[in-house]
Protein backbone atom coordinates (compact mmCIF):
# COMPACT_ATOMS: atom_id res chain seq x y z
CA MET A 1 -64.08 -23.76 80.89
CA TYR A 2 -61.22 -26.16 81.39
CA SER A 3 -60.97 -27.78 84.78
CA LYS A 4 -57.78 -27.93 86.84
CA LEU A 5 -57.50 -31.57 85.96
CA THR A 6 -57.48 -30.69 82.27
CA TYR A 7 -54.64 -28.19 82.76
CA LEU A 8 -52.71 -30.81 84.62
CA PHE A 9 -52.99 -33.27 81.73
CA ILE A 10 -51.85 -30.60 79.29
CA PHE A 11 -48.86 -29.72 81.45
CA ILE A 12 -47.87 -33.37 81.79
CA GLY A 13 -48.22 -33.81 78.04
CA CYS A 14 -45.95 -30.84 77.35
CA LEU A 15 -43.34 -32.18 79.71
CA ALA A 16 -43.49 -35.55 78.02
CA TYR A 17 -43.14 -33.93 74.56
CA ALA A 18 -40.25 -31.81 75.69
CA GLN A 19 -38.61 -34.81 77.24
CA ASN A 20 -39.05 -36.81 74.08
CA GLU A 21 -37.72 -33.93 71.99
CA GLU A 22 -34.71 -33.57 74.23
CA GLU A 23 -34.09 -37.30 74.07
CA ALA A 24 -34.28 -37.13 70.27
CA LYS A 25 -31.78 -34.25 70.19
CA GLN A 26 -29.43 -36.13 72.47
CA LYS A 27 -29.75 -39.24 70.34
CA ALA A 28 -29.08 -37.21 67.17
CA LEU A 29 -26.13 -35.50 68.82
CA SER A 30 -24.75 -38.86 69.89
CA GLN A 31 -25.02 -40.20 66.35
CA SER A 32 -23.45 -37.01 65.03
CA ASN A 33 -20.54 -37.40 67.43
CA ASP A 34 -20.05 -40.99 66.27
CA LEU A 35 -19.91 -39.81 62.65
CA THR A 36 -17.46 -37.09 63.67
CA TRP A 37 -15.24 -39.73 65.24
CA GLU A 38 -15.41 -41.77 62.00
CA GLY A 39 -14.44 -38.67 60.05
CA ASN A 40 -11.46 -38.07 62.29
CA LYS A 41 -10.38 -41.65 61.72
CA GLN A 42 -10.70 -41.38 57.92
CA LEU A 43 -8.77 -38.09 57.95
CA SER A 44 -5.94 -39.61 60.00
CA GLU A 45 -5.62 -42.25 57.28
CA ASN A 46 -5.39 -39.48 54.61
CA LYS A 47 -8.82 -40.42 53.22
CA PHE A 48 -10.01 -36.84 52.72
CA VAL A 49 -13.08 -37.65 50.62
CA ASP A 50 -14.37 -40.26 53.09
CA ALA A 51 -13.68 -37.96 56.02
CA GLU A 52 -15.53 -35.09 54.31
CA MET A 53 -18.60 -37.33 53.80
CA ASP A 54 -18.63 -38.41 57.48
CA TYR A 55 -18.32 -34.84 58.69
CA ARG A 56 -21.14 -33.68 56.43
CA ARG A 57 -23.42 -36.50 57.69
CA ALA A 58 -22.54 -35.56 61.28
CA ILE A 59 -23.44 -31.91 60.62
CA ALA A 60 -26.74 -32.94 59.04
CA LYS A 61 -27.61 -35.10 62.10
CA SER A 62 -27.23 -32.35 64.68
CA GLU A 63 -27.06 -28.57 64.56
CA GLU A 64 -25.42 -28.59 67.98
CA ASN A 65 -22.34 -30.51 66.85
CA ALA A 66 -19.78 -27.69 66.61
CA ALA A 67 -16.88 -30.19 66.59
CA ALA A 68 -17.92 -31.73 63.25
CA ARG A 69 -17.99 -28.26 61.64
CA TYR A 70 -14.70 -27.28 63.22
CA ASN A 71 -12.95 -30.53 62.19
CA LEU A 72 -14.27 -30.25 58.63
CA GLY A 73 -12.98 -26.69 58.57
CA ASN A 74 -9.55 -27.93 59.64
CA ALA A 75 -9.63 -30.54 56.87
CA TYR A 76 -10.36 -27.85 54.28
CA TYR A 77 -7.69 -25.57 55.79
CA ASN A 78 -5.00 -28.26 55.57
CA ASN A 79 -6.12 -28.95 52.02
CA GLU A 80 -5.65 -25.17 51.31
CA THR A 81 -9.33 -24.75 50.46
CA TYR A 82 -9.54 -21.58 52.54
CA SER A 83 -12.96 -20.34 51.46
CA GLU A 84 -14.62 -23.61 52.49
CA ALA A 85 -12.59 -23.70 55.67
CA PHE A 86 -13.70 -20.21 56.68
CA GLY A 87 -17.36 -21.11 56.16
CA ARG A 88 -17.11 -24.16 58.41
CA PHE A 89 -15.20 -22.27 61.15
CA LYS A 90 -17.89 -19.59 61.07
CA GLU A 91 -20.62 -22.25 61.47
CA ALA A 92 -18.67 -23.79 64.34
CA GLY A 93 -18.46 -20.47 66.15
CA GLU A 94 -22.20 -19.90 65.76
CA ALA A 95 -23.07 -23.44 66.89
CA ALA A 96 -20.69 -23.45 69.88
CA THR A 97 -22.34 -23.34 73.29
CA ASP A 98 -19.24 -22.68 75.42
CA LYS A 99 -16.45 -20.15 75.20
CA GLY A 100 -13.74 -22.76 74.58
CA GLU A 101 -15.37 -23.87 71.32
CA LYS A 102 -15.99 -20.28 70.23
CA HIS A 103 -12.35 -19.44 70.98
CA VAL A 104 -10.89 -22.10 68.70
CA ALA A 105 -13.41 -21.29 65.94
CA TYR A 106 -12.50 -17.58 65.84
CA HIS A 107 -8.80 -18.37 66.24
CA ASN A 108 -8.90 -20.49 63.10
CA MET A 109 -10.96 -17.88 61.26
CA GLY A 110 -8.10 -15.49 62.01
CA ASN A 111 -5.67 -18.01 60.52
CA VAL A 112 -7.72 -18.14 57.30
CA PHE A 113 -7.63 -14.34 57.04
CA MET A 114 -3.86 -14.40 57.51
CA LYS A 115 -3.52 -16.87 54.62
CA ARG A 116 -5.61 -14.54 52.46
CA LYS A 117 -3.49 -11.56 53.58
CA GLU A 118 -6.64 -9.90 54.89
CA TYR A 119 -4.82 -8.61 57.96
CA GLU A 120 -7.47 -6.21 59.19
CA LYS A 121 -10.09 -9.03 59.35
CA ALA A 122 -7.53 -11.31 61.00
CA VAL A 123 -7.00 -8.75 63.77
CA GLU A 124 -10.74 -8.67 64.51
CA ALA A 125 -11.01 -12.48 64.50
CA TYR A 126 -8.11 -12.90 66.95
CA LYS A 127 -9.60 -10.23 69.21
CA GLU A 128 -12.89 -12.15 69.30
CA ALA A 129 -10.99 -15.35 70.11
CA LEU A 130 -9.21 -13.66 73.03
CA ARG A 131 -12.53 -12.38 74.38
CA ASN A 132 -13.54 -16.02 74.82
CA ASP A 133 -10.15 -17.14 76.15
CA PRO A 134 -7.79 -14.31 77.19
CA THR A 135 -5.16 -16.80 78.42
CA ASP A 136 -4.30 -18.28 75.01
CA GLU A 137 -0.77 -17.02 74.26
CA GLU A 138 -0.79 -18.44 70.73
CA THR A 139 -3.82 -16.32 69.83
CA ARG A 140 -2.18 -13.29 71.43
CA TYR A 141 0.99 -13.86 69.40
CA ASN A 142 -1.06 -14.22 66.18
CA LEU A 143 -2.88 -10.99 67.00
CA ALA A 144 0.43 -9.12 67.41
CA LEU A 145 1.68 -10.59 64.13
CA ALA A 146 -1.53 -9.59 62.33
CA LYS A 147 -1.23 -6.03 63.66
CA GLU A 148 2.39 -5.82 62.48
CA MET A 149 1.49 -7.13 59.03
CA LEU A 150 -1.42 -4.68 58.83
CA LYS A 151 0.89 -1.78 59.74
CA LYS A 152 3.44 -2.87 57.16
CA GLU A 153 0.71 -3.19 54.53
CA GLU A 154 -0.55 0.32 55.28
CA GLN A 155 2.97 1.71 55.03
CA GLU A 156 3.53 -0.05 51.72
CA ASN A 157 0.19 1.23 50.43
CA GLU A 158 1.14 4.74 51.50
CA GLN A 159 4.55 4.41 49.84
CA ASN A 160 2.97 3.04 46.69
CA LYS A 161 0.52 5.92 46.73
CA ASP A 162 3.35 8.44 47.09
CA ASN A 163 5.28 6.75 44.29
CA GLN A 164 2.19 6.75 42.12
CA ASP A 165 1.61 10.44 42.86
CA LYS A 166 5.22 11.18 41.95
CA GLU A 167 4.90 9.12 38.79
CA ASP A 168 1.68 10.92 37.88
CA LYS A 169 3.32 14.29 38.48
CA LYS A 170 6.33 13.24 36.42
CA ASP A 171 4.07 12.10 33.60
CA GLU A 172 2.16 15.37 33.81
CA LYS A 173 5.42 17.32 33.76
CA ASP A 174 6.66 15.33 30.76
CA LYS A 175 3.38 15.99 28.98
CA ASP A 176 3.70 19.73 29.70
CA GLU A 177 7.29 19.75 28.45
CA ASP A 178 6.33 17.83 25.33
CA LYS A 179 3.49 20.27 24.76
CA LYS A 180 5.79 23.26 25.21
CA GLU A 181 8.36 21.73 22.89
CA GLY A 182 5.65 21.11 20.33
CA ASP A 183 4.44 24.70 20.68
CA ASN A 184 8.00 25.98 20.27
CA GLN A 185 8.47 23.87 17.17
CA ASP A 186 5.23 25.23 15.77
CA GLU A 187 6.34 28.79 16.56
CA ASN A 188 9.74 28.21 14.94
CA LYS A 189 8.02 26.74 11.93
CA GLU A 190 5.73 29.75 11.69
CA ASP A 191 8.72 32.10 12.07
CA LYS A 192 10.56 30.29 9.27
CA GLU A 193 7.50 30.47 7.09
CA ASP A 194 7.18 34.21 7.83
CA GLU A 195 10.86 34.70 7.01
CA GLY A 196 10.39 32.76 3.79
CA ASP A 197 7.40 34.91 2.89
CA LYS A 198 9.37 38.06 3.65
CA SER A 199 12.31 36.78 1.59
CA ASP A 200 9.99 35.97 -1.29
CA LYS A 201 8.42 39.37 -1.01
CA GLY A 202 11.88 40.94 -0.86
CA ASP A 203 12.91 39.08 -4.02
CA GLU A 204 9.69 40.11 -5.69
CA GLY A 205 10.36 43.68 -4.56
CA ASP A 206 13.89 43.60 -5.98
CA GLU A 207 12.60 42.11 -9.19
CA ASN A 208 9.92 44.75 -9.37
CA GLU A 209 12.51 47.44 -8.71
CA GLU A 210 14.72 46.00 -11.47
CA ASN A 211 11.77 45.90 -13.79
CA LYS A 212 10.96 49.47 -12.84
CA ASP A 213 14.55 50.54 -13.49
CA GLU A 214 14.56 48.72 -16.82
CA ASN A 215 11.27 50.27 -17.73
CA LYS A 216 12.60 53.67 -16.74
CA GLU A 217 15.76 53.11 -18.77
CA GLY A 218 13.70 51.92 -21.70
CA GLU A 219 11.41 54.86 -21.41
CA GLY A 220 14.42 57.18 -21.14
CA ASP A 221 16.07 55.70 -24.26
CA GLU A 222 12.83 55.85 -26.12
CA LYS A 223 12.39 59.44 -25.01
CA LYS A 224 15.92 60.30 -26.14
CA GLU A 225 15.31 58.68 -29.48
CA GLN A 226 12.15 60.66 -29.80
CA GLU A 227 14.06 63.85 -28.89
CA LYS A 228 16.69 63.01 -31.52
CA LYS A 229 14.01 62.49 -34.13
CA PRO A 230 11.37 64.97 -33.30
CA ASP A 231 10.39 65.58 -36.93
CA GLU A 232 10.36 61.99 -38.20
CA GLY A 233 6.68 61.89 -37.98
CA ASP A 234 6.41 65.12 -39.88
CA GLN A 235 8.95 63.93 -42.49
CA GLN A 236 6.97 60.81 -43.07
CA GLU A 237 3.84 62.83 -43.56
CA GLN A 238 5.50 65.43 -45.83
CA PRO A 239 5.41 63.34 -49.06
CA GLN A 240 1.73 63.02 -48.58
CA GLN A 241 1.28 66.76 -48.14
CA ARG A 242 3.73 68.39 -50.65
CA ARG A 243 3.87 72.17 -50.48
CA PRO A 244 3.19 74.16 -53.70
CA ASP A 245 6.79 75.42 -53.99
CA GLN A 246 8.31 71.95 -53.53
CA LEU A 247 10.13 70.30 -56.56
CA SER A 248 8.44 67.41 -58.22
CA LYS A 249 9.98 63.98 -58.38
CA GLN A 250 11.05 64.44 -62.01
CA GLN A 251 12.63 67.76 -61.29
CA VAL A 252 14.65 66.27 -58.47
CA GLN A 253 15.79 63.46 -60.78
CA ASN A 254 16.94 65.90 -63.43
CA LEU A 255 18.77 67.95 -60.88
CA LEU A 256 20.61 64.89 -59.57
CA GLU A 257 21.67 63.84 -63.07
CA ALA A 258 23.01 67.32 -63.76
CA MET A 259 25.00 67.25 -60.54
CA GLN A 260 26.41 63.84 -61.38
CA ASN A 261 27.53 65.07 -64.83
CA GLU A 262 29.32 68.03 -63.29
CA GLU A 263 31.01 65.81 -60.74
CA LYS A 264 32.15 63.49 -63.57
CA LYS A 265 33.66 66.36 -65.48
CA VAL A 266 35.55 67.51 -62.46
CA GLN A 267 36.79 64.01 -61.81
CA ASP A 268 37.97 63.58 -65.39
CA LYS A 269 40.02 66.75 -65.12
CA ILE A 270 41.61 65.54 -61.91
CA ASP A 271 42.49 62.18 -63.47
CA ALA A 272 44.06 63.88 -66.55
CA GLN A 273 46.31 65.99 -64.33
CA LYS A 274 47.48 62.90 -62.45
CA VAL A 275 48.52 61.21 -65.72
CA LYS A 276 50.60 64.22 -66.84
CA GLY A 277 52.47 64.47 -63.60
CA VAL A 278 53.64 60.83 -63.46
CA LYS A 279 57.43 60.46 -63.91
CA THR A 280 58.79 57.80 -66.26
CA LYS A 281 61.34 55.30 -64.97
CA ASN A 282 64.73 55.18 -66.80
CA GLU A 283 66.06 51.72 -67.17
CA LYS A 284 69.79 51.31 -67.59
CA ASP A 285 71.19 48.88 -70.13
CA TRP A 286 74.21 47.27 -68.52
């Protein structure tokens, strides 16, 4: 077992180590503060790159140096590098050991959010700053401004949403009207096609009726002709089937010649009578 004297040596050793560690932290913090001062000097002379290097060295020397982080954040903010500025302000707020340092860190974070037009985040940052220093009127004014900008943004978003809804409804209405118009055009087209089909059918019907009438007339004429000549077929067949009492062809020829001779005799008599009855013309000799 350890004796009391042993515990005493251990305790003294721990105190010495802690004291040495604290002295090292203080020395590092002192060096970090010196580098911060150099950075401030370089920045006042518009030497941004040199100032940035000094601030980074100061931050690397001591984690407790909130000022170096805050000042580097300000340098980025003035250079309009807002993303880098926000990161450094956030580090400064986390490294700060007193409320005053936390206040300025969150105040500047709110300023970055205002530049980005992230008004809701700005409101929360300014609220956190006022929790650490409720007496800062500048922070209070920025908070009121952020709330007003957030309200205006919400109203604009709501108005844009209403306008978009109206535009969507209008587009939907136009689409419905276009669809109806298209359907009406299709229906009119179908009606015209139906009318054309009916007209064609009507013309075909008239033509068929005319053809029927012509056919009827033709059939009627043909029928009349057949009625007028009911025995033509029989007459054409008669020479082929001569009855026993019918005259032969030679007999008919002889009969015709005899009739012609008689007619000639009669005609000669008539001509002789005409010659006898003609009066002679007396010519006077003057």
